[in-house]
Amino acid sequence: MMGQLPPFEEREAYGGFFPAFRQTWLAACFRPAKFFESVGNSQNLTTALIFGVLVGWVGNFVGQLWSVLFQAPLFISFRIHQPWVGKEEVAMQLGWLVALGLLGWLFALLNILLLGLLFHLFLLLFGGAKQGLVTTLRVVAYAQAPALFLAIPCLGPCVAVIWGLVLDIIGLATAHRTEIWRSALAVLVPVVVCLLCLVGGAMIAAFVSQNQKVP
């Protein structure tokens, strides 16, 4: 019956690839509770990964493209008045843009797989993993939908990250048929731990660098 699976997995019923993609994106972003019920109705991982990789790839590439275009006038100004300034920055920006264009799909895939494994581990820890790892990976893949907001300058990345985490929480609770607090802990605890590690690492690096400067 139509509607038992995400539209992207019933493309013929929704009029083809692009209409199904659009319906899946809208449902994942704005009707997550109902949408992720359908995500838990299948173990088809390939199609879910294709969706997640596409939105992550496109969002990151377009976001980086905007960054290069917005900074281009500044780099041009530097080149006119100070020709020796800005060469490395331009090369790094363009290099990263090319890398995202060629390998962005791989970055997006690894992101889904790593997040899925991490979230599933913590979901097991908090007693919320009522389904298998495939279900968690399907949720994380479809929860990548807000990655398209990365293409929007300034606020886009913040919206993409925050809303993506919200969808992970809702999706895991719904697809695993567990309490929302369990899925919230499974998502937020590793995120907080990673942030603390980054902050701690930055503080240690700054402390070591400062001490090295002292004669």
N, C-alpha and C. Protein backbone atom coordinates (compact mmCIF):
# COMPACT_ATOMS: atom_id res chain seq x y z
N MET A 1 0.84 -1.19 0.00
CA MET A 1 0.00 0.00 0.00
C MET A 1 0.89 1.25 0.00
N MET A 2 0.51 2.21 -0.83
CA MET A 2 1.27 3.45 -0.93
C MET A 2 1.27 4.19 0.41
N GLY A 3 2.41 4.66 0.81
CA GLY A 3 2.52 5.39 2.06
C GLY A 3 3.10 4.58 3.19
N GLN A 4 3.30 3.25 2.96
CA GLN A 4 3.89 2.41 3.99
C GLN A 4 5.40 2.57 4.07
N LEU A 5 5.96 3.13 3.00
CA LEU A 5 7.41 3.37 2.94
C LEU A 5 7.66 4.83 2.56
N PRO A 6 8.87 5.33 2.81
CA PRO A 6 9.17 6.69 2.36
C PRO A 6 8.96 6.81 0.85
N PRO A 7 8.49 7.97 0.38
CA PRO A 7 8.24 8.14 -1.06
C PRO A 7 9.43 7.79 -1.94
N PHE A 8 10.64 8.04 -1.46
CA PHE A 8 11.83 7.75 -2.25
C PHE A 8 11.99 6.26 -2.50
N GLU A 9 11.34 5.43 -1.69
CA GLU A 9 11.39 3.99 -1.88
C GLU A 9 10.18 3.49 -2.66
N GLU A 10 9.29 4.39 -3.04
CA GLU A 10 8.14 4.06 -3.88
C GLU A 10 8.06 5.07 -5.02
N ARG A 11 9.18 5.24 -5.71
CA ARG A 11 9.30 6.32 -6.68
C ARG A 11 8.27 6.26 -7.81
N GLU A 12 7.97 5.08 -8.28
CA GLU A 12 7.00 4.96 -9.37
C GLU A 12 5.62 5.45 -8.95
N ALA A 13 5.27 5.20 -7.70
CA ALA A 13 3.95 5.62 -7.22
C ALA A 13 3.86 7.14 -7.07
N TYR A 14 5.00 7.81 -6.96
CA TYR A 14 5.01 9.27 -6.76
C TYR A 14 5.42 10.03 -8.01
N GLY A 15 5.52 9.33 -9.13
CA GLY A 15 5.79 10.02 -10.38
C GLY A 15 7.24 10.09 -10.79
N GLY A 16 8.11 9.30 -10.18
CA GLY A 16 9.50 9.28 -10.59
C GLY A 16 10.46 9.78 -9.54
N PHE A 17 11.72 9.88 -9.92
CA PHE A 17 12.81 10.17 -9.00
C PHE A 17 12.64 11.52 -8.31
N PHE A 18 12.53 12.59 -9.08
CA PHE A 18 12.53 13.93 -8.49
C PHE A 18 11.27 14.24 -7.66
N PRO A 19 10.06 13.88 -8.14
CA PRO A 19 8.89 14.08 -7.26
C PRO A 19 8.98 13.29 -5.96
N ALA A 20 9.48 12.05 -6.04
CA ALA A 20 9.62 11.23 -4.83
C ALA A 20 10.67 11.80 -3.90
N PHE A 21 11.77 12.29 -4.49
CA PHE A 21 12.82 12.93 -3.69
C PHE A 21 12.26 14.14 -2.96
N ARG A 22 11.51 14.96 -3.68
CA ARG A 22 10.94 16.17 -3.09
C ARG A 22 9.97 15.82 -1.96
N GLN A 23 9.10 14.86 -2.19
CA GLN A 23 8.13 14.47 -1.16
C GLN A 23 8.84 13.89 0.06
N THR A 24 9.88 13.13 -0.17
CA THR A 24 10.64 12.56 0.95
C THR A 24 11.31 13.66 1.76
N TRP A 25 11.90 14.62 1.08
CA TRP A 25 12.58 15.72 1.77
C TRP A 25 11.59 16.52 2.61
N LEU A 26 10.45 16.87 2.03
CA LEU A 26 9.45 17.65 2.75
C LEU A 26 8.91 16.88 3.96
N ALA A 27 8.63 15.59 3.77
CA ALA A 27 8.08 14.80 4.87
C ALA A 27 9.10 14.62 5.99
N ALA A 28 10.35 14.36 5.63
CA ALA A 28 11.39 14.18 6.65
C ALA A 28 11.61 15.45 7.45
N CYS A 29 11.61 16.59 6.77
CA CYS A 29 11.90 17.86 7.45
C CYS A 29 10.72 18.39 8.25
N PHE A 30 9.50 18.24 7.72
CA PHE A 30 8.37 18.96 8.30
C PHE A 30 7.25 18.07 8.84
N ARG A 31 7.34 16.76 8.58
CA ARG A 31 6.37 15.83 9.17
C ARG A 31 7.12 14.61 9.71
N PRO A 32 8.12 14.86 10.55
CA PRO A 32 9.04 13.78 10.94
C PRO A 32 8.39 12.63 11.70
N ALA A 33 7.44 12.92 12.60
CA ALA A 33 6.84 11.84 13.41
C ALA A 33 6.18 10.80 12.53
N LYS A 34 5.39 11.26 11.58
CA LYS A 34 4.71 10.33 10.68
C LYS A 34 5.69 9.72 9.70
N PHE A 35 6.61 10.52 9.19
CA PHE A 35 7.56 10.03 8.19
C PHE A 35 8.42 8.90 8.73
N PHE A 36 8.97 9.05 9.93
CA PHE A 36 9.90 8.05 10.43
C PHE A 36 9.21 6.76 10.87
N GLU A 37 7.88 6.80 10.99
CA GLU A 37 7.14 5.54 11.15
C GLU A 37 7.34 4.68 9.92
N SER A 38 7.28 5.30 8.74
CA SER A 38 7.47 4.55 7.50
C SER A 38 8.92 4.09 7.34
N VAL A 39 9.86 4.85 7.87
CA VAL A 39 11.27 4.47 7.79
C VAL A 39 11.51 3.15 8.52
N GLY A 40 10.79 2.93 9.60
CA GLY A 40 10.95 1.70 10.37
C GLY A 40 10.25 0.50 9.79
N ASN A 41 9.56 0.67 8.65
CA ASN A 41 8.81 -0.43 8.04
C ASN A 41 9.62 -1.24 7.04
N SER A 42 10.89 -0.93 6.88
CA SER A 42 11.71 -1.62 5.88
C SER A 42 13.13 -1.76 6.38
N GLN A 43 13.85 -2.72 5.78
CA GLN A 43 15.27 -2.91 6.07
C GLN A 43 16.13 -2.61 4.84
N ASN A 44 15.53 -1.90 3.88
CA ASN A 44 16.24 -1.53 2.65
C ASN A 44 17.19 -0.37 2.96
N LEU A 45 18.46 -0.67 3.08
CA LEU A 45 19.43 0.34 3.47
C LEU A 45 19.96 1.12 2.27
N THR A 46 20.07 0.47 1.13
CA THR A 46 20.69 1.11 -0.04
C THR A 46 19.96 2.38 -0.46
N THR A 47 18.64 2.32 -0.59
CA THR A 47 17.88 3.48 -1.04
C THR A 47 17.97 4.62 -0.04
N ALA A 48 17.92 4.29 1.24
CA ALA A 48 18.03 5.32 2.28
C ALA A 48 19.40 6.00 2.20
N LEU A 49 20.45 5.20 1.99
CA LEU A 49 21.79 5.77 1.88
C LEU A 49 21.92 6.67 0.66
N ILE A 50 21.30 6.27 -0.44
CA ILE A 50 21.35 7.11 -1.64
C ILE A 50 20.73 8.47 -1.37
N PHE A 51 19.60 8.49 -0.68
CA PHE A 51 18.96 9.76 -0.34
C PHE A 51 19.86 10.59 0.56
N GLY A 52 20.36 9.99 1.63
CA GLY A 52 21.20 10.73 2.56
C GLY A 52 22.48 11.25 1.93
N VAL A 53 23.09 10.45 1.09
CA VAL A 53 24.32 10.86 0.41
C VAL A 53 24.04 12.01 -0.54
N LEU A 54 22.95 11.94 -1.27
CA LEU A 54 22.61 13.01 -2.22
C LEU A 54 22.42 14.35 -1.54
N VAL A 55 21.61 14.38 -0.47
CA VAL A 55 21.36 15.67 0.18
C VAL A 55 22.63 16.20 0.86
N GLY A 56 23.42 15.30 1.45
CA GLY A 56 24.65 15.75 2.08
C GLY A 56 25.66 16.26 1.06
N TRP A 57 25.78 15.56 -0.04
CA TRP A 57 26.71 15.93 -1.10
C TRP A 57 26.35 17.28 -1.71
N VAL A 58 25.09 17.41 -2.11
CA VAL A 58 24.64 18.65 -2.74
C VAL A 58 24.72 19.82 -1.77
N GLY A 59 24.25 19.63 -0.54
CA GLY A 59 24.25 20.71 0.43
C GLY A 59 25.65 21.22 0.73
N ASN A 60 26.58 20.31 0.95
CA ASN A 60 27.96 20.72 1.25
C ASN A 60 28.62 21.40 0.06
N PHE A 61 28.40 20.86 -1.14
CA PHE A 61 29.05 21.43 -2.32
C PHE A 61 28.53 22.84 -2.61
N VAL A 62 27.22 23.01 -2.60
CA VAL A 62 26.65 24.34 -2.88
C VAL A 62 27.03 25.33 -1.79
N GLY A 63 27.06 24.87 -0.53
CA GLY A 63 27.47 25.75 0.56
C GLY A 63 28.89 26.24 0.38
N GLN A 64 29.79 25.33 -0.01
CA GLN A 64 31.19 25.72 -0.26
C GLN A 64 31.30 26.63 -1.48
N LEU A 65 30.47 26.38 -2.48
CA LEU A 65 30.48 27.22 -3.68
C LEU A 65 30.08 28.66 -3.34
N TRP A 66 29.04 28.80 -2.52
CA TRP A 66 28.63 30.14 -2.08
C TRP A 66 29.76 30.82 -1.32
N SER A 67 30.44 30.06 -0.46
CA SER A 67 31.54 30.62 0.33
C SER A 67 32.63 31.17 -0.58
N VAL A 68 32.97 30.42 -1.62
CA VAL A 68 34.00 30.87 -2.57
C VAL A 68 33.54 32.12 -3.31
N LEU A 69 32.28 32.12 -3.75
CA LEU A 69 31.77 33.26 -4.52
C LEU A 69 31.69 34.53 -3.66
N PHE A 70 31.28 34.37 -2.39
CA PHE A 70 31.15 35.54 -1.52
C PHE A 70 32.51 36.12 -1.16
N GLN A 71 33.52 35.27 -1.08
CA GLN A 71 34.84 35.76 -0.70
C GLN A 71 35.67 36.22 -1.90
N ALA A 72 35.19 35.91 -3.11
CA ALA A 72 35.93 36.27 -4.32
C ALA A 72 36.24 37.77 -4.41
N PRO A 73 35.25 38.68 -4.18
CA PRO A 73 35.57 40.11 -4.26
C PRO A 73 36.65 40.54 -3.26
N LEU A 74 36.63 39.94 -2.07
CA LEU A 74 37.64 40.27 -1.06
C LEU A 74 39.03 39.82 -1.52
N PHE A 75 39.10 38.62 -2.07
CA PHE A 75 40.38 38.13 -2.56
C PHE A 75 40.88 38.97 -3.73
N ILE A 76 39.97 39.38 -4.62
CA ILE A 76 40.35 40.22 -5.76
C ILE A 76 40.90 41.56 -5.28
N SER A 77 40.25 42.14 -4.26
CA SER A 77 40.72 43.40 -3.70
C SER A 77 42.12 43.26 -3.11
N PHE A 78 42.34 42.14 -2.38
CA PHE A 78 43.66 41.90 -1.83
C PHE A 78 44.71 41.77 -2.93
N ARG A 79 44.33 41.06 -4.00
CA ARG A 79 45.28 40.83 -5.08
C ARG A 79 45.66 42.13 -5.78
N ILE A 80 44.72 43.08 -5.85
CA ILE A 80 45.00 44.35 -6.51
C ILE A 80 45.95 45.21 -5.68
N HIS A 81 45.65 45.30 -4.38
CA HIS A 81 46.43 46.19 -3.52
C HIS A 81 47.63 45.51 -2.87
N GLN A 82 47.49 44.22 -2.62
CA GLN A 82 48.58 43.47 -1.99
C GLN A 82 48.68 42.11 -2.68
N PRO A 83 49.36 42.02 -3.80
CA PRO A 83 49.38 40.80 -4.61
C PRO A 83 49.85 39.55 -3.88
N TRP A 84 50.64 39.73 -2.81
CA TRP A 84 51.18 38.57 -2.11
C TRP A 84 50.20 38.00 -1.08
N VAL A 85 49.06 38.69 -0.86
CA VAL A 85 48.10 38.26 0.16
C VAL A 85 46.99 37.44 -0.48
N GLY A 86 46.58 36.39 0.18
CA GLY A 86 45.37 35.68 -0.21
C GLY A 86 45.57 34.49 -1.12
N LYS A 87 46.79 34.23 -1.60
CA LYS A 87 47.01 33.13 -2.53
C LYS A 87 46.69 31.78 -1.88
N GLU A 88 47.18 31.57 -0.66
CA GLU A 88 46.96 30.29 0.01
C GLU A 88 45.49 30.07 0.32
N GLU A 89 44.79 31.15 0.74
CA GLU A 89 43.38 31.04 1.07
C GLU A 89 42.56 30.66 -0.16
N VAL A 90 42.87 31.30 -1.28
CA VAL A 90 42.14 31.00 -2.52
C VAL A 90 42.38 29.56 -2.93
N ALA A 91 43.63 29.12 -2.86
CA ALA A 91 43.97 27.75 -3.24
C ALA A 91 43.25 26.73 -2.36
N MET A 92 43.19 27.01 -1.05
CA MET A 92 42.53 26.09 -0.12
C MET A 92 41.03 26.03 -0.39
N GLN A 93 40.40 27.19 -0.61
CA GLN A 93 38.97 27.24 -0.88
C GLN A 93 38.64 26.48 -2.16
N LEU A 94 39.39 26.74 -3.21
CA LEU A 94 39.13 26.07 -4.49
C LEU A 94 39.43 24.57 -4.41
N GLY A 95 40.49 24.23 -3.69
CA GLY A 95 40.83 22.82 -3.52
C GLY A 95 39.75 22.05 -2.79
N TRP A 96 39.21 22.66 -1.73
CA TRP A 96 38.15 22.02 -0.97
C TRP A 96 36.87 21.91 -1.81
N LEU A 97 36.61 22.91 -2.65
CA LEU A 97 35.45 22.87 -3.54
C LEU A 97 35.56 21.71 -4.52
N VAL A 98 36.74 21.55 -5.10
CA VAL A 98 36.96 20.44 -6.04
C VAL A 98 36.83 19.10 -5.31
N ALA A 99 37.39 19.02 -4.11
CA ALA A 99 37.31 17.78 -3.33
C ALA A 99 35.86 17.41 -3.03
N LEU A 100 35.04 18.41 -2.67
CA LEU A 100 33.63 18.14 -2.40
C LEU A 100 32.90 17.71 -3.66
N GLY A 101 33.28 18.31 -4.79
CA GLY A 101 32.63 17.93 -6.04
C GLY A 101 32.93 16.49 -6.43
N LEU A 102 34.17 16.07 -6.20
CA LEU A 102 34.59 14.73 -6.62
C LEU A 102 34.33 13.66 -5.56
N LEU A 103 34.55 14.02 -4.31
CA LEU A 103 34.49 13.02 -3.23
C LEU A 103 33.43 13.33 -2.18
N GLY A 104 32.60 14.33 -2.43
CA GLY A 104 31.58 14.71 -1.46
C GLY A 104 30.64 13.57 -1.13
N TRP A 105 30.36 12.72 -2.10
CA TRP A 105 29.49 11.58 -1.86
C TRP A 105 30.10 10.63 -0.82
N LEU A 106 31.43 10.48 -0.88
CA LEU A 106 32.12 9.59 0.07
C LEU A 106 32.11 10.19 1.47
N PHE A 107 32.34 11.50 1.57
CA PHE A 107 32.28 12.17 2.87
C PHE A 107 30.89 12.02 3.48
N ALA A 108 29.85 12.21 2.65
CA ALA A 108 28.47 12.10 3.13
C ALA A 108 28.17 10.68 3.59
N LEU A 109 28.64 9.69 2.84
CA LEU A 109 28.40 8.30 3.20
C LEU A 109 29.10 7.94 4.51
N LEU A 110 30.35 8.33 4.65
CA LEU A 110 31.08 8.04 5.88
C LEU A 110 30.43 8.73 7.08
N ASN A 111 29.93 9.94 6.87
CA ASN A 111 29.25 10.66 7.94
C ASN A 111 28.04 9.88 8.44
N ILE A 112 27.24 9.37 7.50
CA ILE A 112 26.04 8.60 7.87
C ILE A 112 26.43 7.33 8.61
N LEU A 113 27.40 6.60 8.09
CA LEU A 113 27.80 5.34 8.70
C LEU A 113 28.38 5.54 10.10
N LEU A 114 29.25 6.54 10.26
CA LEU A 114 29.86 6.79 11.56
C LEU A 114 28.84 7.26 12.59
N LEU A 115 27.96 8.20 12.17
CA LEU A 115 26.92 8.66 13.08
C LEU A 115 25.97 7.53 13.45
N GLY A 116 25.62 6.72 12.45
CA GLY A 116 24.71 5.61 12.71
C GLY A 116 25.29 4.63 13.72
N LEU A 117 26.55 4.27 13.55
CA LEU A 117 27.20 3.36 14.49
C LEU A 117 27.27 3.96 15.89
N LEU A 118 27.62 5.23 15.96
CA LEU A 118 27.75 5.91 17.25
C LEU A 118 26.40 6.01 17.95
N PHE A 119 25.38 6.46 17.22
CA PHE A 119 24.06 6.60 17.82
C PHE A 119 23.49 5.23 18.24
N HIS A 120 23.74 4.21 17.44
CA HIS A 120 23.21 2.88 17.79
C HIS A 120 23.88 2.34 19.03
N LEU A 121 25.18 2.60 19.16
CA LEU A 121 25.90 2.16 20.35
C LEU A 121 25.31 2.79 21.61
N PHE A 122 25.06 4.09 21.56
CA PHE A 122 24.50 4.77 22.72
C PHE A 122 23.03 4.43 22.92
N LEU A 123 22.33 4.14 21.83
CA LEU A 123 20.94 3.71 21.97
C LEU A 123 20.88 2.36 22.67
N LEU A 124 21.81 1.48 22.36
CA LEU A 124 21.91 0.21 23.09
C LEU A 124 22.22 0.46 24.57
N LEU A 125 23.14 1.39 24.81
CA LEU A 125 23.55 1.71 26.17
C LEU A 125 22.37 2.19 27.01
N PHE A 126 21.49 2.98 26.40
CA PHE A 126 20.34 3.54 27.14
C PHE A 126 19.07 2.70 26.97
N GLY A 127 19.21 1.51 26.43
CA GLY A 127 18.10 0.58 26.37
C GLY A 127 17.01 0.94 25.38
N GLY A 128 17.35 1.69 24.32
CA GLY A 128 16.33 2.10 23.37
C GLY A 128 16.41 1.43 22.02
N ALA A 129 17.39 0.54 21.81
CA ALA A 129 17.56 -0.09 20.49
C ALA A 129 16.64 -1.30 20.38
N LYS A 130 15.38 -1.05 20.03
CA LYS A 130 14.42 -2.14 19.89
C LYS A 130 14.53 -2.81 18.51
N GLN A 131 15.18 -2.13 17.58
CA GLN A 131 15.41 -2.68 16.24
C GLN A 131 16.92 -2.76 16.01
N GLY A 132 17.31 -3.26 14.85
CA GLY A 132 18.72 -3.47 14.57
C GLY A 132 19.44 -2.23 14.08
N LEU A 133 20.73 -2.42 13.77
CA LEU A 133 21.57 -1.33 13.29
C LEU A 133 21.07 -0.76 11.97
N VAL A 134 20.52 -1.60 11.11
CA VAL A 134 20.02 -1.12 9.82
C VAL A 134 18.95 -0.05 10.01
N THR A 135 18.07 -0.25 10.97
CA THR A 135 17.03 0.75 11.24
C THR A 135 17.65 2.07 11.66
N THR A 136 18.65 2.02 12.52
CA THR A 136 19.33 3.25 12.94
C THR A 136 19.98 3.94 11.76
N LEU A 137 20.65 3.19 10.90
CA LEU A 137 21.30 3.78 9.73
C LEU A 137 20.28 4.39 8.77
N ARG A 138 19.13 3.74 8.63
CA ARG A 138 18.07 4.30 7.78
C ARG A 138 17.58 5.63 8.34
N VAL A 139 17.41 5.69 9.64
CA VAL A 139 16.97 6.93 10.29
C VAL A 139 18.00 8.04 10.06
N VAL A 140 19.26 7.73 10.32
CA VAL A 140 20.31 8.74 10.17
C VAL A 140 20.41 9.20 8.72
N ALA A 141 20.25 8.29 7.78
CA ALA A 141 20.32 8.66 6.37
C ALA A 141 19.21 9.64 5.99
N TYR A 142 17.98 9.34 6.39
CA TYR A 142 16.87 10.24 6.05
C TYR A 142 16.90 11.52 6.89
N ALA A 143 17.51 11.45 8.06
CA ALA A 143 17.64 12.64 8.90
C ALA A 143 18.67 13.62 8.35
N GLN A 144 19.36 13.23 7.28
CA GLN A 144 20.29 14.14 6.61
C GLN A 144 19.55 15.19 5.78
N ALA A 145 18.23 15.07 5.66
CA ALA A 145 17.45 15.97 4.81
C ALA A 145 17.77 17.45 5.01
N PRO A 146 17.91 17.95 6.25
CA PRO A 146 18.23 19.37 6.43
C PRO A 146 19.60 19.78 5.91
N ALA A 147 20.42 18.82 5.47
CA ALA A 147 21.73 19.18 4.93
C ALA A 147 21.61 20.10 3.72
N LEU A 148 20.47 20.07 3.05
CA LEU A 148 20.28 20.99 1.92
C LEU A 148 20.30 22.45 2.37
N PHE A 149 20.00 22.69 3.65
CA PHE A 149 20.06 24.06 4.16
C PHE A 149 21.49 24.59 4.22
N LEU A 150 22.48 23.69 4.10
CA LEU A 150 23.86 24.14 4.04
C LEU A 150 24.10 25.05 2.84
N ALA A 151 23.24 24.92 1.84
CA ALA A 151 23.37 25.75 0.64
C ALA A 151 22.94 27.20 0.87
N ILE A 152 22.31 27.46 2.02
CA ILE A 152 21.86 28.82 2.35
C ILE A 152 22.96 29.52 3.14
N PRO A 153 23.44 30.66 2.68
CA PRO A 153 24.53 31.36 3.37
C PRO A 153 24.16 31.77 4.80
N CYS A 154 25.16 31.91 5.63
CA CYS A 154 25.05 32.43 7.01
C CYS A 154 24.33 31.46 7.94
N LEU A 155 23.00 31.53 8.01
CA LEU A 155 22.25 30.74 8.99
C LEU A 155 22.04 29.31 8.55
N GLY A 156 22.23 29.01 7.29
CA GLY A 156 21.96 27.68 6.77
C GLY A 156 22.66 26.55 7.52
N PRO A 157 23.97 26.65 7.76
CA PRO A 157 24.66 25.58 8.48
C PRO A 157 24.11 25.33 9.88
N CYS A 158 23.77 26.40 10.60
CA CYS A 158 23.20 26.24 11.95
C CYS A 158 21.88 25.50 11.89
N VAL A 159 21.03 25.89 10.95
CA VAL A 159 19.73 25.23 10.79
C VAL A 159 19.93 23.76 10.44
N ALA A 160 20.86 23.49 9.52
CA ALA A 160 21.10 22.12 9.08
C ALA A 160 21.54 21.23 10.24
N VAL A 161 22.48 21.72 11.04
CA VAL A 161 23.00 20.90 12.14
C VAL A 161 21.96 20.68 13.22
N ILE A 162 21.32 21.75 13.67
CA ILE A 162 20.35 21.64 14.77
C ILE A 162 19.14 20.83 14.36
N TRP A 163 18.60 21.15 13.18
CA TRP A 163 17.39 20.43 12.75
C TRP A 163 17.72 18.97 12.43
N GLY A 164 18.92 18.72 11.95
CA GLY A 164 19.33 17.34 11.71
C GLY A 164 19.37 16.53 13.00
N LEU A 165 19.88 17.11 14.07
CA LEU A 165 19.91 16.42 15.36
C LEU A 165 18.50 16.19 15.89
N VAL A 166 17.62 17.17 15.70
CA VAL A 166 16.22 17.00 16.11
C VAL A 166 15.58 15.83 15.37
N LEU A 167 15.83 15.74 14.07
CA LEU A 167 15.28 14.64 13.28
C LEU A 167 15.86 13.30 13.71
N ASP A 168 17.15 13.28 14.06
CA ASP A 168 17.75 12.04 14.58
C ASP A 168 17.02 11.57 15.83
N ILE A 169 16.75 12.50 16.73
CA ILE A 169 16.07 12.15 17.99
C ILE A 169 14.66 11.63 17.72
N ILE A 170 13.90 12.38 16.94
CA ILE A 170 12.53 11.96 16.62
C ILE A 170 12.54 10.65 15.84
N GLY A 171 13.44 10.56 14.87
CA GLY A 171 13.48 9.38 14.03
C GLY A 171 13.84 8.11 14.79
N LEU A 172 14.84 8.18 15.65
CA LEU A 172 15.23 7.01 16.42
C LEU A 172 14.13 6.56 17.37
N ALA A 173 13.50 7.52 18.03
CA ALA A 173 12.41 7.17 18.93
C ALA A 173 11.25 6.52 18.18
N THR A 174 10.93 7.05 17.01
CA THR A 174 9.79 6.55 16.25
C THR A 174 10.09 5.20 15.60
N ALA A 175 11.22 5.10 14.91
CA ALA A 175 11.54 3.87 14.19
C ALA A 175 11.85 2.71 15.14
N HIS A 176 12.48 3.01 16.27
CA HIS A 176 12.80 1.97 17.25
C HIS A 176 11.66 1.75 18.24
N ARG A 177 10.63 2.59 18.13
CA ARG A 177 9.47 2.48 19.02
C ARG A 177 9.91 2.48 20.49
N THR A 178 10.67 3.52 20.82
CA THR A 178 11.17 3.68 22.18
C THR A 178 10.86 5.07 22.69
N GLU A 179 11.17 5.34 23.94
CA GLU A 179 10.87 6.63 24.54
C GLU A 179 11.79 7.71 23.96
N ILE A 180 11.25 8.92 23.86
CA ILE A 180 12.00 10.02 23.26
C ILE A 180 13.23 10.37 24.08
N TRP A 181 13.17 10.20 25.41
CA TRP A 181 14.33 10.56 26.22
C TRP A 181 15.51 9.64 25.96
N ARG A 182 15.20 8.37 25.62
CA ARG A 182 16.29 7.44 25.31
C ARG A 182 17.00 7.85 24.02
N SER A 183 16.22 8.18 23.00
CA SER A 183 16.83 8.59 21.74
C SER A 183 17.54 9.93 21.88
N ALA A 184 16.99 10.84 22.71
CA ALA A 184 17.64 12.13 22.94
C ALA A 184 19.01 11.94 23.58
N LEU A 185 19.09 11.06 24.56
CA LEU A 185 20.37 10.79 25.21
C LEU A 185 21.34 10.12 24.22
N ALA A 186 20.82 9.21 23.41
CA ALA A 186 21.66 8.50 22.44
C ALA A 186 22.28 9.45 21.43
N VAL A 187 21.58 10.54 21.12
CA VAL A 187 22.07 11.51 20.14
C VAL A 187 22.92 12.59 20.81
N LEU A 188 22.42 13.13 21.92
CA LEU A 188 23.06 14.31 22.51
C LEU A 188 24.32 13.98 23.32
N VAL A 189 24.32 12.84 24.01
CA VAL A 189 25.50 12.51 24.83
C VAL A 189 26.76 12.40 23.99
N PRO A 190 26.77 11.64 22.88
CA PRO A 190 28.00 11.60 22.08
C PRO A 190 28.36 12.95 21.46
N VAL A 191 27.35 13.74 21.11
CA VAL A 191 27.62 15.07 20.56
C VAL A 191 28.31 15.94 21.60
N VAL A 192 27.79 15.94 22.83
CA VAL A 192 28.39 16.73 23.90
C VAL A 192 29.79 16.25 24.22
N VAL A 193 29.98 14.92 24.26
CA VAL A 193 31.31 14.37 24.53
C VAL A 193 32.30 14.81 23.46
N CYS A 194 31.89 14.75 22.19
CA CYS A 194 32.78 15.17 21.10
C CYS A 194 33.12 16.65 21.21
N LEU A 195 32.13 17.48 21.55
CA LEU A 195 32.37 18.91 21.70
C LEU A 195 33.34 19.19 22.84
N LEU A 196 33.15 18.49 23.95
CA LEU A 196 34.05 18.67 25.09
C LEU A 196 35.48 18.25 24.74
N CYS A 197 35.59 17.18 23.96
CA CYS A 197 36.93 16.74 23.55
C CYS A 197 37.59 17.78 22.64
N LEU A 198 36.79 18.36 21.73
CA LEU A 198 37.34 19.39 20.84
C LEU A 198 37.78 20.62 21.62
N VAL A 199 36.93 21.06 22.56
CA VAL A 199 37.27 22.23 23.37
C VAL A 199 38.50 21.94 24.22
N GLY A 200 38.52 20.76 24.84
CA GLY A 200 39.67 20.40 25.66
C GLY A 200 40.94 20.33 24.83
N GLY A 201 40.86 19.74 23.64
CA GLY A 201 42.02 19.66 22.77
C GLY A 201 42.52 21.03 22.35
N ALA A 202 41.57 21.94 22.05
CA ALA A 202 41.95 23.30 21.65
C ALA A 202 42.63 24.04 22.81
N MET A 203 42.10 23.85 24.02
CA MET A 203 42.69 24.51 25.19
C MET A 203 44.09 23.98 25.46
N ILE A 204 44.27 22.66 25.33
CA ILE A 204 45.60 22.08 25.55
C ILE A 204 46.59 22.58 24.50
N ALA A 205 46.13 22.62 23.24
CA ALA A 205 46.99 23.10 22.16
C ALA A 205 47.39 24.56 22.38
N ALA A 206 46.41 25.38 22.82
CA ALA A 206 46.70 26.79 23.08
C ALA A 206 47.67 26.94 24.24
N PHE A 207 47.50 26.11 25.28
CA PHE A 207 48.38 26.17 26.45
C PHE A 207 49.80 25.78 26.07
N VAL A 208 49.95 24.71 25.29
CA VAL A 208 51.28 24.25 24.85
C VAL A 208 51.93 25.30 23.96
N SER A 209 51.15 25.88 23.05
CA SER A 209 51.69 26.89 22.14
C SER A 209 52.15 28.12 22.92
N GLN A 210 51.36 28.50 23.92
CA GLN A 210 51.73 29.68 24.73
C GLN A 210 53.00 29.44 25.51
N ASN A 211 53.15 28.25 26.05
CA ASN A 211 54.34 27.92 26.83
C ASN A 211 55.59 27.86 25.96
N GLN A 212 55.41 27.44 24.71
CA GLN A 212 56.55 27.36 23.80
C GLN A 212 57.08 28.74 23.43
N LYS A 213 56.20 29.75 23.48
CA LYS A 213 56.59 31.11 23.14
C LYS A 213 57.35 31.79 24.26
N VAL A 214 57.15 31.27 25.48
CA VAL A 214 57.81 31.87 26.64
C VAL A 214 59.29 31.50 26.65
N PRO A 215 60.22 32.46 26.65
CA PRO A 215 61.66 32.14 26.63
C PRO A 215 62.10 31.44 27.90
